[in-house]
Protein backbone atom coordinates (compact mmCIF):
# COMPACT_ATOMS: atom_id res chain seq x y z
CA MET A 1 -211.59 -142.51 -30.35
CA ALA A 2 -211.01 -139.08 -29.57
CA LEU A 3 -208.21 -136.63 -28.57
CA VAL A 4 -209.81 -135.17 -25.28
CA VAL A 5 -208.37 -132.11 -22.80
CA GLN A 6 -209.39 -132.25 -19.62
CA LYS A 7 -208.17 -129.16 -16.65
CA TYR A 8 -208.99 -130.01 -13.34
CA GLY A 9 -208.93 -127.17 -10.65
CA GLY A 10 -207.40 -125.96 -7.72
CA SER A 11 -210.75 -127.20 -5.67
CA SER A 12 -210.89 -130.56 -7.42
CA VAL A 13 -207.75 -132.16 -6.34
CA ALA A 14 -207.60 -130.16 -2.96
CA THR A 15 -206.99 -133.64 -0.76
CA PRO A 16 -205.22 -136.73 -2.12
CA GLU A 17 -208.42 -138.70 -2.03
CA ASP A 18 -210.05 -135.81 -4.13
CA ILE A 19 -207.05 -136.65 -6.44
CA LYS A 20 -207.15 -140.58 -6.43
CA ARG A 21 -211.52 -139.57 -7.45
CA VAL A 22 -209.93 -136.98 -10.61
CA ALA A 23 -208.20 -140.44 -11.31
CA ARG A 24 -210.52 -142.66 -11.54
CA GLY A 25 -212.20 -140.44 -13.78
CA ILE A 26 -209.79 -139.94 -16.35
CA VAL A 27 -209.17 -143.62 -16.13
CA GLU A 28 -212.77 -143.88 -17.10
CA GLU A 29 -212.44 -141.96 -20.33
CA HIS A 30 -209.11 -143.61 -21.25
CA ARG A 31 -210.69 -147.30 -20.89
CA LYS A 32 -213.23 -145.77 -23.47
CA GLY A 33 -210.13 -145.40 -25.98
CA ASN A 34 -209.54 -142.02 -25.54
CA GLN A 35 -206.59 -140.11 -25.76
CA MET A 36 -206.49 -137.80 -22.65
CA VAL A 37 -204.02 -134.63 -21.67
CA VAL A 38 -205.12 -133.48 -18.46
CA VAL A 39 -204.42 -129.96 -17.01
CA VAL A 40 -204.07 -129.99 -13.26
CA SER A 41 -204.15 -126.42 -11.19
CA ALA A 42 -202.42 -126.65 -7.46
CA MET A 43 -204.50 -128.11 -4.73
CA GLY A 44 -206.49 -126.11 -2.70
CA ASP A 45 -205.13 -122.99 -1.38
CA THR A 46 -201.76 -124.04 -2.44
CA THR A 47 -200.98 -121.13 -4.12
CA ASP A 48 -202.39 -118.91 -1.88
CA HIS A 49 -199.88 -120.45 1.47
CA LEU A 50 -196.86 -120.07 -1.59
CA VAL A 51 -197.59 -116.24 -1.41
CA GLU A 52 -198.17 -115.44 2.09
CA MET A 53 -194.54 -117.24 2.85
CA ALA A 54 -193.39 -115.18 0.02
CA ARG A 55 -194.61 -111.85 1.90
CA ALA A 56 -193.13 -113.21 5.26
CA VAL A 57 -189.57 -113.52 3.94
CA SER A 58 -189.84 -110.68 1.50
CA GLN A 59 -191.89 -107.10 1.57
CA ASN A 60 -191.37 -107.04 -2.04
CA PRO A 61 -190.75 -110.27 -3.67
CA PRO A 62 -189.00 -109.70 -6.99
CA GLU A 63 -191.52 -111.39 -9.64
CA ARG A 64 -189.09 -113.85 -11.27
CA GLU A 65 -188.62 -115.20 -7.96
CA MET A 66 -192.59 -115.66 -7.41
CA ASP A 67 -192.35 -116.94 -10.76
CA MET A 68 -190.08 -119.62 -9.84
CA LEU A 69 -192.34 -120.22 -6.17
CA LEU A 70 -195.22 -120.09 -7.51
CA SER A 71 -195.25 -123.00 -10.11
CA VAL A 72 -194.28 -125.41 -7.79
CA GLY A 73 -198.13 -125.83 -7.14
CA GLU A 74 -198.65 -127.19 -9.84
CA ARG A 75 -195.68 -129.64 -10.21
CA ILE A 76 -196.88 -131.18 -7.30
CA SER A 77 -200.55 -131.45 -7.89
CA ILE A 78 -198.96 -133.19 -11.41
CA ALA A 79 -197.05 -135.98 -10.08
CA LEU A 80 -199.41 -137.07 -7.23
CA LEU A 81 -202.20 -137.26 -10.20
CA ALA A 82 -199.56 -139.87 -12.42
CA MET A 83 -198.93 -141.45 -9.40
CA ALA A 84 -202.78 -142.25 -8.65
CA ILE A 85 -203.38 -143.01 -12.16
CA SER A 86 -200.24 -145.57 -12.27
CA ASP A 87 -201.79 -147.20 -9.49
CA LEU A 88 -205.03 -148.09 -11.12
CA GLY A 89 -203.07 -149.88 -13.56
CA HIS A 90 -202.64 -147.28 -16.61
CA GLU A 91 -199.18 -145.32 -17.61
CA ALA A 92 -199.34 -141.64 -16.86
CA ILE A 93 -196.50 -139.44 -17.69
CA SER A 94 -196.52 -135.65 -15.55
CA PHE A 95 -194.79 -132.25 -17.51
CA THR A 96 -194.29 -129.08 -16.41
CA GLY A 97 -195.28 -126.17 -18.97
CA SER A 98 -191.52 -125.73 -20.14
CA GLN A 99 -191.37 -129.46 -20.54
CA VAL A 100 -193.93 -129.65 -23.17
CA GLY A 101 -193.12 -126.27 -24.65
CA ILE A 102 -195.67 -123.90 -23.80
CA ILE A 103 -194.03 -120.69 -24.33
CA THR A 104 -194.34 -117.21 -23.27
CA ASP A 105 -193.53 -113.82 -23.69
CA ASP A 106 -191.27 -112.32 -20.61
CA ARG A 107 -193.66 -110.84 -18.52
CA HIS A 108 -193.12 -111.95 -15.01
CA THR A 109 -196.22 -113.60 -13.22
CA GLU A 110 -198.98 -112.11 -15.79
CA ALA A 111 -197.61 -113.82 -18.69
CA ARG A 112 -199.16 -114.76 -22.41
CA ILE A 113 -198.66 -117.78 -24.24
CA LEU A 114 -197.06 -117.03 -27.59
CA GLU A 115 -196.63 -120.94 -28.88
CA VAL A 116 -197.52 -124.48 -28.06
CA ARG A 117 -194.93 -127.35 -29.54
CA GLY A 118 -196.49 -129.82 -27.57
CA LEU A 119 -193.67 -132.33 -29.23
CA ARG A 120 -193.09 -134.83 -25.65
CA ILE A 121 -197.28 -134.46 -25.39
CA ARG A 122 -197.48 -135.84 -28.62
CA GLU A 123 -195.04 -138.72 -28.52
CA ALA A 124 -196.56 -139.74 -24.83
CA LEU A 125 -199.94 -139.87 -26.54
CA GLU A 126 -198.92 -141.94 -29.31
CA SER A 127 -197.23 -144.82 -26.65
CA GLY A 128 -200.39 -144.73 -24.97
CA LYS A 129 -199.80 -143.10 -22.15
CA ILE A 130 -202.56 -140.49 -20.08
CA VAL A 131 -200.56 -137.05 -20.64
CA ILE A 132 -200.93 -134.68 -17.22
CA VAL A 133 -199.17 -131.21 -17.32
CA ALA A 134 -199.17 -128.25 -15.16
CA GLY A 135 -201.34 -125.40 -16.04
CA PHE A 136 -200.66 -121.59 -15.01
CA GLN A 137 -197.05 -121.94 -16.30
CA GLY A 138 -194.72 -121.76 -19.25
CA VAL A 139 -191.27 -120.90 -20.48
CA SER A 140 -190.17 -117.64 -21.95
CA VAL A 141 -188.74 -116.78 -25.04
CA ASN A 142 -185.38 -116.11 -22.50
CA LYS A 143 -185.50 -119.32 -21.13
CA GLU A 144 -186.99 -118.32 -17.43
CA ILE A 145 -190.36 -120.02 -15.73
CA THR A 146 -193.43 -117.83 -16.03
CA THR A 147 -196.70 -118.04 -14.44
CA LEU A 148 -200.56 -116.88 -16.57
CA GLY A 149 -201.69 -115.60 -13.52
CA ARG A 150 -205.03 -116.45 -11.68
CA GLY A 151 -207.28 -118.74 -13.54
CA GLY A 152 -204.10 -119.71 -15.94
CA SER A 153 -204.67 -123.30 -16.19
CA ASP A 154 -207.86 -122.56 -17.89
CA THR A 155 -205.63 -121.40 -20.71
CA THR A 156 -203.11 -123.59 -20.58
CA ALA A 157 -206.25 -125.97 -20.98
CA ILE A 158 -207.18 -124.32 -24.02
CA ALA A 159 -203.82 -123.75 -25.77
CA LEU A 160 -203.12 -127.14 -25.54
CA ALA A 161 -206.71 -128.15 -27.50
CA ALA A 162 -205.89 -125.62 -30.15
CA ALA A 163 -202.40 -126.94 -30.57
CA LEU A 164 -203.35 -130.76 -30.31
CA HIS A 165 -206.48 -130.22 -32.32
CA ALA A 166 -208.31 -131.79 -29.82
CA ASP A 167 -212.17 -133.22 -30.34
CA ARG A 168 -213.24 -132.22 -26.80
CA CYS A 169 -212.01 -129.37 -24.20
CA GLU A 170 -213.23 -129.64 -20.79
CA ILE A 171 -212.94 -127.15 -18.32
CA LEU A 172 -213.93 -129.16 -14.92
CA LYS A 173 -214.41 -126.96 -11.48
CA ASP A 174 -216.68 -126.83 -8.30
CA VAL A 175 -219.68 -125.45 -10.64
CA GLU A 176 -221.88 -126.87 -13.16
CA GLY A 177 -221.08 -124.35 -15.65
CA VAL A 178 -221.78 -120.80 -16.33
CA TYR A 179 -224.59 -119.07 -14.17
CA VAL A 180 -226.54 -115.71 -15.02
CA ALA A 181 -225.37 -114.80 -11.62
CA GLU A 182 -223.47 -115.40 -8.57
CA PRO A 183 -224.96 -118.31 -7.00
CA ARG A 184 -223.39 -117.31 -3.75
CA LEU A 185 -226.10 -114.36 -3.75
CA ILE A 186 -228.62 -116.44 -5.81
CA PRO A 187 -229.12 -120.12 -5.05
CA GLN A 188 -231.88 -120.60 -7.82
CA THR A 189 -230.21 -118.78 -10.43
CA GLY A 190 -230.32 -120.46 -14.03
CA LEU A 191 -227.42 -122.19 -16.24
CA ASN A 192 -226.18 -120.51 -19.45
CA PRO A 193 -226.42 -123.67 -21.57
CA GLN A 194 -224.63 -122.35 -24.40
CA ILE A 195 -223.01 -118.82 -24.17
CA SER A 196 -220.81 -116.97 -26.79
CA TYR A 197 -217.33 -116.25 -26.66
CA ASP A 198 -217.87 -112.20 -26.56
CA GLU A 199 -220.68 -112.64 -23.81
CA MET A 200 -218.44 -114.98 -21.91
CA ILE A 201 -215.45 -112.75 -22.15
CA GLU A 202 -217.83 -109.88 -21.18
CA MET A 203 -218.63 -111.49 -18.17
CA ALA A 204 -214.91 -112.32 -17.50
CA ASN A 205 -213.76 -108.61 -17.53
CA MET A 206 -216.71 -107.74 -15.10
CA GLY A 207 -215.40 -110.26 -12.75
CA ALA A 208 -217.18 -113.85 -12.71
CA GLY A 209 -215.03 -116.10 -11.77
CA VAL A 210 -215.56 -118.91 -13.86
CA LEU A 211 -212.82 -118.17 -16.87
CA LYS A 212 -209.97 -115.87 -17.18
CA THR A 213 -210.88 -112.92 -20.02
CA GLU A 214 -207.32 -114.52 -21.65
CA SER A 215 -208.18 -118.36 -21.86
CA VAL A 216 -211.38 -117.07 -23.80
CA GLU A 217 -210.25 -114.87 -26.20
CA PHE A 218 -207.56 -117.88 -26.80
CA ALA A 219 -210.38 -119.94 -27.44
CA ARG A 220 -212.27 -117.27 -29.83
CA HIS A 221 -208.90 -116.87 -31.71
CA ASN A 222 -208.61 -120.89 -32.43
CA LYS A 223 -212.57 -121.24 -32.41
CA VAL A 224 -212.17 -124.06 -29.54
CA ASN A 225 -215.51 -125.14 -28.05
CA VAL A 226 -215.09 -124.83 -24.22
CA ALA A 227 -217.40 -127.16 -21.98
CA VAL A 228 -217.62 -125.88 -18.56
CA GLY A 229 -219.16 -128.56 -15.77
CA SER A 230 -218.69 -130.14 -12.55
CA SER A 231 -215.63 -132.44 -11.70
CA PHE A 232 -217.62 -133.67 -8.84
CA SER A 233 -220.72 -134.63 -10.72
CA GLY A 234 -219.53 -134.99 -14.16
CA ASN A 235 -221.83 -132.81 -15.35
CA ILE A 236 -221.62 -130.61 -18.41
CA GLY A 237 -223.78 -127.49 -17.61
CA THR A 238 -222.35 -124.86 -20.44
CA ILE A 239 -220.66 -124.80 -23.31
CA ILE A 240 -218.36 -121.90 -24.91
CA THR A 241 -219.03 -121.47 -28.80
CA GLU A 242 -219.21 -118.66 -31.40
CA GLN A 243 -223.08 -118.22 -31.45
CA PRO A 244 -225.38 -117.32 -28.39
CA HIS A 245 -227.81 -119.63 -26.94
CA ASN A 246 -230.75 -117.18 -27.48
CA SER A 247 -229.88 -113.84 -29.51
CA SER A 248 -232.39 -111.89 -26.75
CA ALA A 249 -231.74 -113.12 -23.77
CA ILE A 250 -229.59 -111.78 -20.96
CA SER A 251 -226.47 -114.47 -19.93
CA GLY A 252 -225.24 -112.38 -16.99
CA ILE A 253 -225.56 -110.21 -14.32
CA VAL A 254 -222.61 -109.98 -12.60
CA GLY A 255 -221.04 -107.66 -9.87
CA GLN A 256 -217.14 -106.92 -9.14
CA LYS A 257 -215.96 -105.47 -5.81
CA GLY A 258 -212.56 -103.86 -5.38
CA MET A 259 -212.49 -101.10 -7.93
CA ALA A 260 -211.20 -97.91 -8.35
CA HIS A 261 -211.95 -94.55 -10.34
CA LEU A 262 -209.59 -92.29 -11.18
CA LYS A 263 -209.48 -88.68 -12.62
CA ILE A 264 -206.41 -87.64 -13.54
CA VAL A 265 -206.03 -84.12 -14.37
CA THR A 266 -203.96 -83.14 -17.41
CA ARG A 267 -204.16 -81.32 -20.66
CA ASP A 268 -201.25 -82.45 -22.18
CA PRO A 269 -201.90 -85.02 -24.92
CA VAL A 270 -198.66 -86.53 -25.23
CA LEU A 271 -198.46 -87.43 -21.53
CA LYS A 272 -201.92 -89.04 -21.98
CA HIS A 273 -200.53 -90.87 -24.54
CA ARG A 274 -197.71 -92.43 -22.57
CA LEU A 275 -199.78 -93.05 -19.87
CA ASN A 276 -201.35 -95.33 -21.85
CA GLN A 277 -198.54 -96.72 -23.14
CA GLN A 278 -196.92 -97.47 -19.81
CA MET A 279 -199.91 -98.85 -18.43
CA ALA A 280 -200.53 -101.47 -21.16
CA ALA A 281 -196.94 -102.47 -20.67
CA ARG A 282 -197.26 -103.20 -17.37
CA GLY A 283 -200.49 -104.84 -17.52
CA VAL A 284 -203.40 -102.98 -15.63
CA LYS A 285 -206.21 -103.64 -17.24
CA VAL A 286 -208.89 -100.91 -17.56
CA GLN A 287 -212.33 -101.95 -17.18
CA ALA A 288 -214.19 -97.99 -18.29
CA TYR A 289 -212.08 -95.14 -19.70
CA VAL A 290 -213.28 -91.63 -20.65
CA LEU A 291 -210.79 -89.03 -22.46
CA GLN A 292 -211.64 -85.49 -21.89
CA PRO A 293 -209.91 -82.18 -23.16
CA GLU A 294 -208.71 -81.26 -19.72
CA SER A 295 -208.04 -84.66 -18.40
CA LEU A 296 -208.95 -88.49 -18.33
CA GLU A 297 -210.98 -90.83 -16.29
CA MET A 298 -210.71 -94.43 -15.62
CA VAL A 299 -211.65 -97.69 -13.66
CA ILE A 300 -209.50 -100.55 -13.30
CA GLN A 301 -208.90 -102.73 -10.23
CA ARG A 302 -207.92 -101.64 -6.84
CA ARG A 303 -204.44 -103.89 -7.14
CA PHE A 304 -203.62 -101.76 -10.02
CA LEU A 305 -203.36 -98.46 -8.27
CA PRO A 306 -199.64 -99.02 -6.79
CA VAL A 307 -198.75 -99.99 -10.50
CA LEU A 308 -200.78 -97.04 -12.05
CA GLU A 309 -198.94 -94.61 -9.71
CA LYS A 310 -195.25 -96.46 -10.56
CA SER A 311 -196.66 -95.93 -14.41
CA LEU A 312 -197.64 -92.09 -13.73
CA GLN A 313 -193.75 -91.79 -12.38
CA ALA A 314 -192.07 -93.40 -15.29
CA ILE A 315 -193.96 -90.62 -17.79
CA ASN A 316 -192.94 -87.60 -15.37
CA GLY A 317 -189.42 -89.03 -14.51
CA GLU A 318 -188.63 -87.08 -10.88
CA GLY A 319 -190.83 -84.31 -12.05
CA GLU A 320 -194.41 -84.03 -9.79
CA ILE A 321 -196.86 -86.34 -10.84
CA PRO A 322 -200.60 -84.97 -12.19
CA GLN A 323 -203.30 -84.09 -10.23
CA TRP A 324 -205.47 -87.38 -9.78
CA ILE A 325 -208.53 -87.81 -7.51
CA CYS A 326 -209.16 -91.63 -6.62
CA ASN A 327 -212.13 -93.36 -5.26
CA ASP A 328 -211.05 -96.59 -3.93
CA SER A 329 -214.57 -97.58 -2.60
CA ILE A 330 -216.44 -98.37 -5.91
CA GLY A 331 -217.67 -101.65 -8.18
CA ILE A 332 -219.14 -102.30 -11.46
CA ILE A 333 -222.56 -103.73 -11.79
CA GLY A 334 -222.46 -105.71 -15.54
CA ILE A 335 -225.47 -106.76 -17.10
CA ILE A 336 -224.34 -108.93 -20.15
CA GLY A 337 -226.14 -110.22 -23.01
CA THR A 338 -227.24 -109.98 -26.64
CA GLY A 339 -228.97 -106.85 -28.41
CA LEU A 340 -228.22 -104.60 -25.66
CA ASN A 341 -227.06 -101.81 -27.31
CA PHE A 342 -228.72 -98.59 -26.77
CA ASN A 343 -232.18 -98.53 -29.30
CA SER A 344 -232.63 -101.91 -28.65
CA ASP A 345 -235.48 -103.40 -26.67
CA ASN A 346 -233.33 -105.19 -24.54
CA ALA A 347 -231.62 -102.38 -23.53
CA ALA A 348 -235.18 -100.20 -22.66
CA ARG A 349 -236.27 -102.74 -20.50
CA VAL A 350 -233.01 -102.86 -18.42
CA PHE A 351 -232.99 -99.15 -18.38
CA ARG A 352 -236.95 -99.58 -17.39
CA ALA A 353 -235.86 -101.83 -14.73
CA LEU A 354 -233.28 -99.36 -12.99
CA GLU A 355 -236.09 -96.49 -13.36
CA ARG A 356 -238.11 -98.81 -11.34
CA LEU A 357 -235.64 -99.31 -8.74
CA GLN A 358 -234.24 -95.61 -8.27
CA ILE A 359 -230.58 -96.64 -9.22
CA SER A 360 -229.25 -93.56 -10.91
CA PRO A 361 -226.07 -94.87 -12.53
CA GLU A 362 -222.70 -92.81 -12.78
CA LEU A 363 -220.54 -93.27 -15.51
CA LEU A 364 -222.45 -95.45 -17.73
CA GLN A 365 -221.04 -97.51 -20.65
CA VAL A 366 -223.96 -99.37 -23.32
CA SER A 367 -222.53 -101.60 -25.89
CA GLU A 368 -224.05 -104.42 -27.61
CA LEU A 369 -223.19 -106.92 -25.24
CA ARG A 370 -223.15 -105.10 -21.99
CA VAL A 371 -225.02 -102.45 -19.91
CA SER A 372 -222.62 -100.86 -16.85
CA TRP A 373 -222.09 -98.51 -14.12
CA ILE A 374 -220.55 -97.57 -11.21
CA MET A 375 -221.50 -97.70 -7.91
CA PRO A 376 -220.48 -97.59 -4.16
CA GLU A 377 -218.62 -101.17 -3.36
CA GLU A 378 -221.20 -101.98 -0.39
CA LYS A 379 -224.20 -101.68 -2.58
CA ILE A 380 -222.78 -103.99 -5.12
CA ASP A 381 -224.59 -107.21 -3.66
CA LYS A 382 -227.81 -105.83 -2.95
CA THR A 383 -228.22 -104.28 -6.42
CA VAL A 384 -227.62 -107.80 -8.30
CA LYS A 385 -230.51 -109.52 -6.12
CA LEU A 386 -232.85 -106.43 -7.04
CA LEU A 387 -231.73 -106.72 -10.85
CA TYR A 388 -232.03 -110.53 -11.10
CA ARG A 389 -235.14 -110.41 -9.31
CA GLU A 390 -236.95 -107.51 -11.53
CA LEU A 391 -235.31 -108.77 -14.93
CA LEU A 392 -234.87 -112.75 -14.63
CA GLY A 393 -236.91 -113.22 -11.52
CA ASN A 394 -240.16 -114.73 -13.42
CA GLN A 395 -237.78 -117.02 -15.36
CA HIS A 396 -235.99 -119.28 -12.90
C-alpha cells in the first residue's frame, strides 16, 4: 500500500464532467489499495472571475479581503470532488487548508508555508477515507486566511507530500510534463523525462508556467521527487529530482514577457540597502541585479512596478524619490541546462548560436545553469523559435 498525493489543476476540474472523470481516476488508485490525498485548484477560470468581481466593487481591494474571497474557489472544487467520489461508492472528506493545519506567514496573497500539521488527514486516512484538500491556501500564525499566490496548489501538494512522507507526489495538469520550450510556440518540442530541482527552479524563475518556483524550492528542501503529467491521458512525462537526466543537455529555452528594466540613480549605499530590504519585505522578485557606485539596475516583473514605487517612498518618507529610469517593454530570454558556465563547451555553443543569429544580448547573465539576457518584448517569441531551431532542431 502506498500513500499517494495527487494535485489537479483548474483546467482538470473545469466542469462537472471533468470533476467526475477525475473522481473515477482517484477511485481507481484507491481500489489498488493506495491511500489517497488529493489537492485541487479552483475550477477553470474561477479565480480570475473572483478577481474581476473584486475589481468591480473596489479600485484597491484590501489584501486580507482578497484572500478571504479567493479561498472560496478551491472550497467549491473540493466539495464537488468529494461528492463525485461518494457517488462512486467510496468515502471521501474535504478539508480547507486551515482545517488540515497548513500554517503560513502573515503575508496576504503571497504567503509562505511555515508548517504542515496534517493530524486530520492522518486520522481520515486511517479510517479508510479519500482525503481532498483545498490547494493555494492556509492559515497564518495570526489565524488569518491566507493564499499562496498563483500556482500555490502545487506548493500545497508538495508540502503535504513532505509532511506525510508520501510514497508518490504527482502534479497532474493539462500538459504531459516539463517541455524544453513552450509547445504553443514550438509544437514539436521535446519533454524532459527527468530534470533536477535546480534546473526546474531556473525555468520557473524564467516564467515557465508548469510549476511555481516556491513549490520546487519546497521539494528540493524536503527531497520530494515530483512527477509531472497529464490528468487527461494519465501519462507522467517528467520526474523532478535531485539529479539531472543529462549533464550536457539543454533542458529549457524560455521567454518571459511583461518585464521592466530599471536604473535607480543614487550613490547612497544606505538607501540601496534599505530599498533591498523593502523590496524583500514586499515580495518583489528580482530577475537580474547590477550594483554600481552611482546606481543600481534591476529587472523585475512589470506588475511589481507600483510596489517598487511604494518601496522607494517608504525609504524616503515624504522626501523626493531618487531619479529612476524605466523601460517597461522588455522581456527575458533564458537558456537553461547544466554546465553552462562561461568557459564551458555548452556555453560556447550558445554564444556561437547568438553570433550566427546576430543577437547582441543586453545585460547578459551567465551561471552554471542559465544564460539569460533582456531584449524588446516583441522579439521574444521569434527569438525562442530561432534559438530552438539553432540549438535543438536536429534533436527533436
